[in-house]
Amino acid sequence: MLPEGCDISGKWQYREDEITAFRPSEEVLLTTNIKRRNTFLQQATTHAFPLQSALALGIATPQQQEMLMLLQHYGQHLMEMDLTQENPDWPLWPQETA
């Protein structure tokens, strides 16, 4: 008999004649979350670089300055996260205010 909710999502495992929910090891979980966090950080860095350049050159608009600040806060939130959790509450990508 299959457990309730069992599907082909990859969140189940067959072990010792039993189907159970898959639980990654702490090491796999941490490694996966670090890779995901680093991807998010790289995206933020890619978006922030031209804004930082504009600020350094003295040509950044107020909207660019605001977006740079939001990206910096986003990066800081990423760095402060507990990456040992199975489903971390990832911060949302920053949105400019109108």
PDB file of N, CA and C in Angstrom:
ATOM      1  N   MET A   1       0.845  -1.185   0.000  1.00  0.00           N
ATOM      2  CA  MET A   1       0.000   0.000   0.000  1.00  0.00           C
ATOM      3  C   MET A   1       0.892   1.251   0.000  1.00  0.00           C
ATOM      4  N   LEU A   2       0.537   2.233  -0.798  1.00  0.00           N
ATOM      5  CA  LEU A   2       1.290   3.493  -0.863  1.00  0.00           C
ATOM      6  C   LEU A   2       0.826   4.454   0.228  1.00  0.00           C
ATOM      7  N   PRO A   3       1.757   5.188   0.802  1.00  0.00           N
ATOM      8  CA  PRO A   3       1.370   6.198   1.797  1.00  0.00           C
ATOM      9  C   PRO A   3       0.529   7.298   1.143  1.00  0.00           C
ATOM     10  N   GLU A   4      -0.295   7.937   1.934  1.00  0.00           N
ATOM     11  CA  GLU A   4      -1.111   9.040   1.436  1.00  0.00           C
ATOM     12  C   GLU A   4      -0.205  10.162   0.942  1.00  0.00           C
ATOM     13  N   GLY A   5      -0.518  10.696  -0.232  1.00  0.00           N
ATOM     14  CA  GLY A   5       0.249  11.782  -0.804  1.00  0.00           C
ATOM     15  C   GLY A   5       1.446  11.331  -1.616  1.00  0.00           C
ATOM     16  N   CYS A   6       1.711  10.034  -1.665  1.00  0.00           N
ATOM     17  CA  CYS A   6       2.855   9.517  -2.410  1.00  0.00           C
ATOM     18  C   CYS A   6       2.676   9.806  -3.898  1.00  0.00           C
ATOM     19  N   ASP A   7       3.714  10.340  -4.526  1.00  0.00           N
ATOM     20  CA  ASP A   7       3.660  10.671  -5.945  1.00  0.00           C
ATOM     21  C   ASP A   7       5.047  10.514  -6.553  1.00  0.00           C
ATOM     22  N   ILE A   8       5.230  10.973  -7.764  1.00  0.00           N
ATOM     23  CA  ILE A   8       6.510  10.810  -8.459  1.00  0.00           C
ATOM     24  C   ILE A   8       7.382  12.060  -8.362  1.00  0.00           C
ATOM     25  N   SER A   9       7.153  12.883  -7.370  1.00  0.00           N
ATOM     26  CA  SER A   9       7.871  14.159  -7.227  1.00  0.00           C
ATOM     27  C   SER A   9       9.336  13.998  -6.830  1.00  0.00           C
ATOM     28  N   GLY A  10       9.733  12.819  -6.410  1.00  0.00           N
ATOM     29  CA  GLY A  10      11.097  12.628  -5.932  1.00  0.00           C
ATOM     30  C   GLY A  10      11.223  12.845  -4.430  1.00  0.00           C
ATOM     31  N   LYS A  11      10.120  13.090  -3.763  1.00  0.00           N
ATOM     32  CA  LYS A  11      10.136  13.340  -2.325  1.00  0.00           C
ATOM     33  C   LYS A  11       9.868  12.072  -1.519  1.00  0.00           C
ATOM     34  N   TRP A  12       9.947  10.909  -2.199  1.00  0.00           N
ATOM     35  CA  TRP A  12       9.693   9.623  -1.562  1.00  0.00           C
ATOM     36  C   TRP A  12      10.843   8.681  -1.854  1.00  0.00           C
ATOM     37  N   GLN A  13      11.049   7.706  -0.972  1.00  0.00           N
ATOM     38  CA  GLN A  13      12.103   6.718  -1.185  1.00  0.00           C
ATOM     39  C   GLN A  13      11.605   5.331  -0.785  1.00  0.00           C
ATOM     40  N   TYR A  14      12.134   4.341  -1.451  1.00  0.00           N
ATOM     41  CA  TYR A  14      11.836   2.953  -1.116  1.00  0.00           C
ATOM     42  C   TYR A  14      13.062   2.383  -0.415  1.00  0.00           C
ATOM     43  N   ARG A  15      12.892   2.022   0.836  1.00  0.00           N
ATOM     44  CA  ARG A  15      14.019   1.522   1.621  1.00  0.00           C
ATOM     45  C   ARG A  15      13.502   0.462   2.597  1.00  0.00           C
ATOM     46  N   GLU A  16      14.200  -0.674   2.600  1.00  0.00           N
ATOM     47  CA  GLU A  16      13.854  -1.767   3.504  1.00  0.00           C
ATOM     48  C   GLU A  16      12.384  -2.152   3.394  1.00  0.00           C
ATOM     49  N   ASP A  17      11.944  -2.387   2.150  1.00  0.00           N
ATOM     50  CA  ASP A  17      10.569  -2.819   1.845  1.00  0.00           C
ATOM     51  C   ASP A  17       9.505  -1.835   2.315  1.00  0.00           C
ATOM     52  N   GLU A  18       9.865  -0.562   2.368  1.00  0.00           N
ATOM     53  CA  GLU A  18       8.917   0.448   2.836  1.00  0.00           C
ATOM     54  C   GLU A  18       9.098   1.740   2.042  1.00  0.00           C
ATOM     55  N   ILE A  19       8.006   2.406   1.731  1.00  0.00           N
ATOM     56  CA  ILE A  19       8.042   3.707   1.068  1.00  0.00           C
ATOM     57  C   ILE A  19       7.866   4.773   2.137  1.00  0.00           C
ATOM     58  N   THR A  20       8.857   5.672   2.212  1.00  0.00           N
ATOM     59  CA  THR A  20       8.812   6.739   3.211  1.00  0.00           C
ATOM     60  C   THR A  20       9.171   8.069   2.551  1.00  0.00           C
ATOM     61  N   ALA A  21       8.849   9.139   3.222  1.00  0.00           N
ATOM     62  CA  ALA A  21       9.213  10.464   2.724  1.00  0.00           C
ATOM     63  C   ALA A  21      10.731  10.583   2.725  1.00  0.00           C
ATOM     64  N   PHE A  22      11.284  11.143   1.647  1.00  0.00           N
ATOM     65  CA  PHE A  22      12.721  11.323   1.525  1.00  0.00           C
ATOM     66  C   PHE A  22      13.172  12.475   2.404  1.00  0.00           C
ATOM     67  N   ARG A  23      14.222  12.244   3.185  1.00  0.00           N
ATOM     68  CA  ARG A  23      14.821  13.275   4.036  1.00  0.00           C
ATOM     69  C   ARG A  23      16.306  13.357   3.679  1.00  0.00           C
ATOM     70  N   PRO A  24      16.732  14.471   3.093  1.00  0.00           N
ATOM     71  CA  PRO A  24      18.153  14.584   2.764  1.00  0.00           C
ATOM     72  C   PRO A  24      18.998  14.673   4.034  1.00  0.00           C
ATOM     73  N   SER A  25      20.238  14.231   3.932  1.00  0.00           N
ATOM     74  CA  SER A  25      21.141  14.334   5.081  1.00  0.00           C
ATOM     75  C   SER A  25      21.402  15.816   5.361  1.00  0.00           C
ATOM     76  N   GLU A  26      21.895  16.100   6.561  1.00  0.00           N
ATOM     77  CA  GLU A  26      22.213  17.486   6.922  1.00  0.00           C
ATOM     78  C   GLU A  26      23.260  18.066   5.976  1.00  0.00           C
ATOM     79  N   GLU A  27      24.225  17.249   5.593  1.00  0.00           N
ATOM     80  CA  GLU A  27      25.282  17.714   4.696  1.00  0.00           C
ATOM     81  C   GLU A  27      24.734  18.059   3.312  1.00  0.00           C
ATOM     82  N   VAL A  28      23.877  17.195   2.780  1.00  0.00           N
ATOM     83  CA  VAL A  28      23.271  17.452   1.468  1.00  0.00           C
ATOM     84  C   VAL A  28      22.388  18.682   1.538  1.00  0.00           C
ATOM     85  N   LEU A  29      21.624  18.800   2.598  1.00  0.00           N
ATOM     86  CA  LEU A  29      20.730  19.944   2.784  1.00  0.00           C
ATOM     87  C   LEU A  29      21.513  21.246   2.822  1.00  0.00           C
ATOM     88  N   LEU A  30      22.579  21.284   3.613  1.00  0.00           N
ATOM     89  CA  LEU A  30      23.391  22.489   3.724  1.00  0.00           C
ATOM     90  C   LEU A  30      24.058  22.825   2.395  1.00  0.00           C
ATOM     91  N   THR A  31      24.618  21.843   1.734  1.00  0.00           N
ATOM     92  CA  THR A  31      25.280  22.071   0.448  1.00  0.00           C
ATOM     93  C   THR A  31      24.296  22.605  -0.592  1.00  0.00           C
ATOM     94  N   THR A  32      23.109  22.022  -0.645  1.00  0.00           N
ATOM     95  CA  THR A  32      22.079  22.468  -1.585  1.00  0.00           C
ATOM     96  C   THR A  32      21.663  23.899  -1.307  1.00  0.00           C
ATOM     97  N   ASN A  33      21.457  24.227  -0.035  1.00  0.00           N
ATOM     98  CA  ASN A  33      21.035  25.590   0.324  1.00  0.00           C
ATOM     99  C   ASN A  33      22.140  26.612   0.079  1.00  0.00           C
ATOM    100  N   ILE A  34      23.389  26.234   0.314  1.00  0.00           N
ATOM    101  CA  ILE A  34      24.500  27.152   0.040  1.00  0.00           C
ATOM    102  C   ILE A  34      24.580  27.439  -1.457  1.00  0.00           C
ATOM    103  N   LYS A  35      24.431  26.417  -2.282  1.00  0.00           N
ATOM    104  CA  LYS A  35      24.465  26.622  -3.734  1.00  0.00           C
ATOM    105  C   LYS A  35      23.330  27.533  -4.183  1.00  0.00           C
ATOM    106  N   ARG A  36      22.150  27.311  -3.632  1.00  0.00           N
ATOM    107  CA  ARG A  36      21.002  28.157  -4.012  1.00  0.00           C
ATOM    108  C   ARG A  36      21.217  29.595  -3.555  1.00  0.00           C
ATOM    109  N   ARG A  37      21.694  29.766  -2.318  1.00  0.00           N
ATOM    110  CA  ARG A  37      21.978  31.098  -1.793  1.00  0.00           C
ATOM    111  C   ARG A  37      23.015  31.814  -2.659  1.00  0.00           C
ATOM    112  N   ASN A  38      24.066  31.095  -3.042  1.00  0.00           N
ATOM    113  CA  ASN A  38      25.108  31.692  -3.864  1.00  0.00           C
ATOM    114  C   ASN A  38      24.597  32.094  -5.237  1.00  0.00           C
ATOM    115  N   THR A  39      23.660  31.332  -5.784  1.00  0.00           N
ATOM    116  CA  THR A  39      23.035  31.713  -7.058  1.00  0.00           C
ATOM    117  C   THR A  39      22.269  33.021  -6.895  1.00  0.00           C
ATOM    118  N   PHE A  40      21.502  33.134  -5.821  1.00  0.00           N
ATOM    119  CA  PHE A  40      20.758  34.367  -5.560  1.00  0.00           C
ATOM    120  C   PHE A  40      21.712  35.549  -5.357  1.00  0.00           C
ATOM    121  N   LEU A  41      22.807  35.325  -4.632  1.00  0.00           N
ATOM    122  CA  LEU A  41      23.793  36.385  -4.411  1.00  0.00           C
ATOM    123  C   LEU A  41      24.435  36.829  -5.725  1.00  0.00           C
ATOM    124  N   GLN A  42      24.729  35.877  -6.589  1.00  0.00           N
ATOM    125  CA  GLN A  42      25.335  36.213  -7.878  1.00  0.00           C
ATOM    126  C   GLN A  42      24.367  37.053  -8.719  1.00  0.00           C
ATOM    127  N   GLN A  43      23.098  36.697  -8.703  1.00  0.00           N
ATOM    128  CA  GLN A  43      22.106  37.481  -9.441  1.00  0.00           C
ATOM    129  C   GLN A  43      22.030  38.902  -8.892  1.00  0.00           C
ATOM    130  N   ALA A  44      22.036  39.036  -7.576  1.00  0.00           N
ATOM    131  CA  ALA A  44      21.975  40.371  -6.968  1.00  0.00           C
ATOM    132  C   ALA A  44      23.221  41.180  -7.317  1.00  0.00           C
ATOM    133  N   THR A  45      24.375  40.534  -7.299  1.00  0.00           N
ATOM    134  CA  THR A  45      25.630  41.213  -7.632  1.00  0.00           C
ATOM    135  C   THR A  45      25.617  41.684  -9.088  1.00  0.00           C
ATOM    136  N   THR A  46      25.128  40.849  -9.967  1.00  0.00           N
ATOM    137  CA  THR A  46      25.055  41.207 -11.389  1.00  0.00           C
ATOM    138  C   THR A  46      24.161  42.426 -11.600  1.00  0.00           C
ATOM    139  N   HIS A  47      23.051  42.484 -10.877  1.00  0.00           N
ATOM    140  CA  HIS A  47      22.151  43.629 -11.005  1.00  0.00           C
ATOM    141  C   HIS A  47      22.695  44.876 -10.309  1.00  0.00           C
ATOM    142  N   ALA A  48      23.441  44.663  -9.221  1.00  0.00           N
ATOM    143  CA  ALA A  48      23.923  45.807  -8.437  1.00  0.00           C
ATOM    144  C   ALA A  48      25.127  46.490  -9.074  1.00  0.00           C
ATOM    145  N   PHE A  49      25.961  45.760  -9.812  1.00  0.00           N
ATOM    146  CA  PHE A  49      27.194  46.340 -10.323  1.00  0.00           C
ATOM    147  C   PHE A  49      26.977  47.614 -11.147  1.00  0.00           C
ATOM    148  N   PRO A  50      26.078  47.622 -12.146  1.00  0.00           N
ATOM    149  CA  PRO A  50      25.902  48.871 -12.894  1.00  0.00           C
ATOM    150  C   PRO A  50      25.356  50.011 -12.031  1.00  0.00           C
ATOM    151  N   LEU A  51      24.568  49.660 -11.020  1.00  0.00           N
ATOM    152  CA  LEU A  51      24.035  50.685 -10.124  1.00  0.00           C
ATOM    153  C   LEU A  51      25.148  51.269  -9.252  1.00  0.00           C
ATOM    154  N   GLN A  52      26.047  50.402  -8.791  1.00  0.00           N
ATOM    155  CA  GLN A  52      27.194  50.873  -8.008  1.00  0.00           C
ATOM    156  C   GLN A  52      28.105  51.761  -8.860  1.00  0.00           C
ATOM    157  N   SER A  53      28.264  51.385 -10.121  1.00  0.00           N
ATOM    158  CA  SER A  53      29.086  52.191 -11.024  1.00  0.00           C
ATOM    159  C   SER A  53      28.475  53.568 -11.214  1.00  0.00           C
ATOM    160  N   ALA A  54      27.174  53.611 -11.437  1.00  0.00           N
ATOM    161  CA  ALA A  54      26.492  54.893 -11.624  1.00  0.00           C
ATOM    162  C   ALA A  54      26.612  55.753 -10.367  1.00  0.00           C
ATOM    163  N   LEU A  55      26.498  55.123  -9.205  1.00  0.00           N
ATOM    164  CA  LEU A  55      26.626  55.862  -7.946  1.00  0.00           C
ATOM    165  C   LEU A  55      28.050  56.411  -7.797  1.00  0.00           C
ATOM    166  N   ALA A  56      29.043  55.593  -8.087  1.00  0.00           N
ATOM    167  CA  ALA A  56      30.441  56.026  -7.965  1.00  0.00           C
ATOM    168  C   ALA A  56      30.771  57.165  -8.932  1.00  0.00           C
ATOM    169  N   LEU A  57      30.118  57.158 -10.088  1.00  0.00           N
ATOM    170  CA  LEU A  57      30.351  58.206 -11.085  1.00  0.00           C
ATOM    171  C   LEU A  57      29.517  59.449 -10.836  1.00  0.00           C
ATOM    172  N   GLY A  58      28.633  59.384  -9.849  1.00  0.00           N
ATOM    173  CA  GLY A  58      27.799  60.534  -9.519  1.00  0.00           C
ATOM    174  C   GLY A  58      26.643  60.748 -10.478  1.00  0.00           C
ATOM    175  N   ILE A  59      26.244  59.703 -11.196  1.00  0.00           N
ATOM    176  CA  ILE A  59      25.162  59.850 -12.187  1.00  0.00           C
ATOM    177  C   ILE A  59      23.955  58.968 -11.879  1.00  0.00           C
ATOM    178  N   ALA A  60      23.936  58.345 -10.689  1.00  0.00           N
ATOM    179  CA  ALA A  60      22.813  57.473 -10.327  1.00  0.00           C
ATOM    180  C   ALA A  60      21.576  58.301 -10.038  1.00  0.00           C
ATOM    181  N   THR A  61      20.464  57.861 -10.603  1.00  0.00           N
ATOM    182  CA  THR A  61      19.182  58.510 -10.329  1.00  0.00           C
ATOM    183  C   THR A  61      18.705  58.089  -8.938  1.00  0.00           C
ATOM    184  N   PRO A  62      17.744  58.794  -8.368  1.00  0.00           N
ATOM    185  CA  PRO A  62      17.203  58.362  -7.073  1.00  0.00           C
ATOM    186  C   PRO A  62      16.640  56.934  -7.128  1.00  0.00           C
ATOM    187  N   GLN A  63      16.033  56.572  -8.248  1.00  0.00           N
ATOM    188  CA  GLN A  63      15.495  55.213  -8.390  1.00  0.00           C
ATOM    189  C   GLN A  63      16.619  54.178  -8.396  1.00  0.00           C
ATOM    190  N   GLN A  64      17.722  54.485  -9.053  1.00  0.00           N
ATOM    191  CA  GLN A  64      18.865  53.577  -9.077  1.00  0.00           C
ATOM    192  C   GLN A  64      19.480  53.452  -7.686  1.00  0.00           C
ATOM    193  N   GLN A  65      19.571  54.552  -6.985  1.00  0.00           N
ATOM    194  CA  GLN A  65      20.111  54.519  -5.621  1.00  0.00           C
ATOM    195  C   GLN A  65      19.233  53.662  -4.719  1.00  0.00           C
ATOM    196  N   GLU A  66      17.921  53.807  -4.862  1.00  0.00           N
ATOM    197  CA  GLU A  66      16.993  53.024  -4.048  1.00  0.00           C
ATOM    198  C   GLU A  66      17.121  51.534  -4.370  1.00  0.00           C
ATOM    199  N   MET A  67      17.199  51.202  -5.662  1.00  0.00           N
ATOM    200  CA  MET A  67      17.308  49.803  -6.048  1.00  0.00           C
ATOM    201  C   MET A  67      18.616  49.205  -5.537  1.00  0.00           C
ATOM    202  N   LEU A  68      19.690  49.964  -5.575  1.00  0.00           N
ATOM    203  CA  LEU A  68      20.966  49.482  -5.051  1.00  0.00           C
ATOM    204  C   LEU A  68      20.849  49.184  -3.558  1.00  0.00           C
ATOM    205  N   MET A  69      20.216  50.061  -2.818  1.00  0.00           N
ATOM    206  CA  MET A  69      20.029  49.841  -1.390  1.00  0.00           C
ATOM    207  C   MET A  69      19.191  48.577  -1.151  1.00  0.00           C
ATOM    208  N   LEU A  70      18.136  48.401  -1.930  1.00  0.00           N
ATOM    209  CA  LEU A  70      17.284  47.216  -1.782  1.00  0.00           C
ATOM    210  C   LEU A  70      18.065  45.936  -2.093  1.00  0.00           C
ATOM    211  N   LEU A  71      18.900  45.977  -3.119  1.00  0.00           N
ATOM    212  CA  LEU A  71      19.717  44.809  -3.464  1.00  0.00           C
ATOM    213  C   LEU A  71      20.729  44.504  -2.366  1.00  0.00           C
ATOM    214  N   GLN A  72      21.280  45.531  -1.761  1.00  0.00           N
ATOM    215  CA  GLN A  72      22.229  45.327  -0.670  1.00  0.00           C
ATOM    216  C   GLN A  72      21.540  44.701   0.551  1.00  0.00           C
ATOM    217  N   HIS A  73      20.332  45.164   0.858  1.00  0.00           N
ATOM    218  CA  HIS A  73      19.564  44.564   1.958  1.00  0.00           C
ATOM    219  C   HIS A  73      19.228  43.111   1.643  1.00  0.00           C
ATOM    220  N   TYR A  74      18.842  42.848   0.398  1.00  0.00           N
ATOM    221  CA  TYR A  74      18.520  41.495  -0.045  1.00  0.00           C
ATOM    222  C   TYR A  74      19.734  40.580   0.159  1.00  0.00           C
ATOM    223  N   GLY A  75      20.906  41.025  -0.277  1.00  0.00           N
ATOM    224  CA  GLY A  75      22.123  40.247  -0.103  1.00  0.00           C
ATOM    225  C   GLY A  75      22.441  39.999   1.362  1.00  0.00           C
ATOM    226  N   GLN A  76      22.233  40.998   2.185  1.00  0.00           N
ATOM    227  CA  GLN A  76      22.494  40.847   3.622  1.00  0.00           C
ATOM    228  C   GLN A  76      21.544  39.833   4.235  1.00  0.00           C
ATOM    229  N   HIS A  77      20.268  39.873   3.834  1.00  0.00           N
ATOM    230  CA  HIS A  77      19.300  38.887   4.337  1.00  0.00           C
ATOM    231  C   HIS A  77      19.715  37.473   3.929  1.00  0.00           C
ATOM    232  N   LEU A  78      20.194  37.326   2.695  1.00  0.00           N
ATOM    233  CA  LEU A  78      20.656  36.018   2.240  1.00  0.00           C
ATOM    234  C   LEU A  78      21.816  35.509   3.093  1.00  0.00           C
ATOM    235  N   MET A  79      22.739  36.401   3.426  1.00  0.00           N
ATOM    236  CA  MET A  79      23.914  36.011   4.199  1.00  0.00           C
ATOM    237  C   MET A  79      23.579  35.656   5.650  1.00  0.00           C
ATOM    238  N   GLU A  80      22.475  36.184   6.169  1.00  0.00           N
ATOM    239  CA  GLU A  80      22.098  35.952   7.568  1.00  0.00           C
ATOM    240  C   GLU A  80      21.190  34.740   7.747  1.00  0.00           C
ATOM    241  N   MET A  81      20.812  34.085   6.666  1.00  0.00           N
ATOM    242  CA  MET A  81      19.852  32.988   6.739  1.00  0.00           C
ATOM    243  C   MET A  81      20.433  31.740   7.397  1.00  0.00           C
ATOM    244  N   ASP A  82      19.561  30.971   8.035  1.00  0.00           N
ATOM    245  CA  ASP A  82      19.923  29.669   8.576  1.00  0.00           C
ATOM    246  C   ASP A  82      19.758  28.653   7.443  1.00  0.00           C
ATOM    247  N   LEU A  83      20.869  28.215   6.883  1.00  0.00           N
ATOM    248  CA  LEU A  83      20.838  27.318   5.726  1.00  0.00           C
ATOM    249  C   LEU A  83      20.771  25.851   6.116  1.00  0.00           C
ATOM    250  N   THR A  84      20.573  25.570   7.401  1.00  0.00           N
ATOM    251  CA  THR A  84      20.443  24.182   7.838  1.00  0.00           C
ATOM    252  C   THR A  84      18.992  23.715   7.800  1.00  0.00           C
ATOM    253  N   GLN A  85      18.069  24.625   7.536  1.00  0.00           N
ATOM    254  CA  GLN A  85      16.650  24.281   7.478  1.00  0.00           C
ATOM    255  C   GLN A  85      16.334  23.555   6.170  1.00  0.00           C
ATOM    256  N   GLU A  86      15.340  22.677   6.218  1.00  0.00           N
ATOM    257  CA  GLU A  86      14.961  21.945   5.010  1.00  0.00           C
ATOM    258  C   GLU A  86      14.330  22.861   3.968  1.00  0.00           C
ATOM    259  N   ASN A  87      13.487  23.770   4.392  1.00  0.00           N
ATOM    260  CA  ASN A  87      12.836  24.705   3.470  1.00  0.00           C
ATOM    261  C   ASN A  87      13.015  26.123   3.993  1.00  0.00           C
ATOM    262  N   PRO A  88      14.187  26.730   3.751  1.00  0.00           N
ATOM    263  CA  PRO A  88      14.396  28.089   4.265  1.00  0.00           C
ATOM    264  C   PRO A  88      13.398  29.077   3.666  1.00  0.00           C
ATOM    265  N   ASP A  89      13.094  30.089   4.426  1.00  0.00           N
ATOM    266  CA  ASP A  89      12.200  31.145   3.963  1.00  0.00           C
ATOM    267  C   ASP A  89      13.053  32.163   3.197  1.00  0.00           C
ATOM    268  N   TRP A  90      13.271  31.889   1.900  1.00  0.00           N
ATOM    269  CA  TRP A  90      14.128  32.747   1.086  1.00  0.00           C
ATOM    270  C   TRP A  90      13.522  34.139   0.953  1.00  0.00           C
ATOM    271  N   PRO A  91      14.333  35.181   1.050  1.00  0.00           N
ATOM    272  CA  PRO A  91      13.800  36.537   0.871  1.00  0.00           C
ATOM    273  C   PRO A  91      13.352  36.742  -0.574  1.00  0.00           C
ATOM    274  N   LEU A  92      12.378  37.596  -0.736  1.00  0.00           N
ATOM    275  CA  LEU A  92      11.866  37.898  -2.071  1.00  0.00           C
ATOM    276  C   LEU A  92      12.808  38.872  -2.778  1.00  0.00           C
ATOM    277  N   TRP A  93      12.857  38.750  -4.101  1.00  0.00           N
ATOM    278  CA  TRP A  93      13.655  39.665  -4.904  1.00  0.00           C
ATOM    279  C   TRP A  93      13.137  41.072  -4.678  1.00  0.00           C
ATOM    280  N   PRO A  94      14.031  42.051  -4.503  1.00  0.00           N
ATOM    281  CA  PRO A  94      13.572  43.414  -4.221  1.00  0.00           C
ATOM    282  C   PRO A  94      12.798  44.026  -5.388  1.00  0.00           C
ATOM    283  N   GLN A  95      11.788  44.778  -5.044  1.00  0.00           N
ATOM    284  CA  GLN A  95      10.967  45.485  -6.032  1.00  0.00           C
ATOM    285  C   GLN A  95      11.087  46.975  -5.785  1.00  0.00           C
ATOM    286  N   GLU A  96      11.271  47.705  -6.875  1.00  0.00           N
ATOM    287  CA  GLU A  96      11.327  49.157  -6.750  1.00  0.00           C
ATOM    288  C   GLU A  96       9.967  49.671  -6.315  1.00  0.00           C
ATOM    289  N   THR A  97       9.989  50.707  -5.486  1.00  0.00           N
ATOM    290  CA  THR A  97       8.746  51.381  -5.134  1.00  0.00           C
ATOM    291  C   THR A  97       8.536  52.511  -6.118  1.00  0.00           C
ATOM    292  N   ALA A  98       7.310  52.767  -6.428  1.00  0.00           N
ATOM    293  CA  ALA A  98       7.000  53.794  -7.440  1.00  0.00           C
ATOM    294  C   ALA A  98       7.197  55.177  -6.919  1.00  0.00           C
TER     295      ALA A  98
END
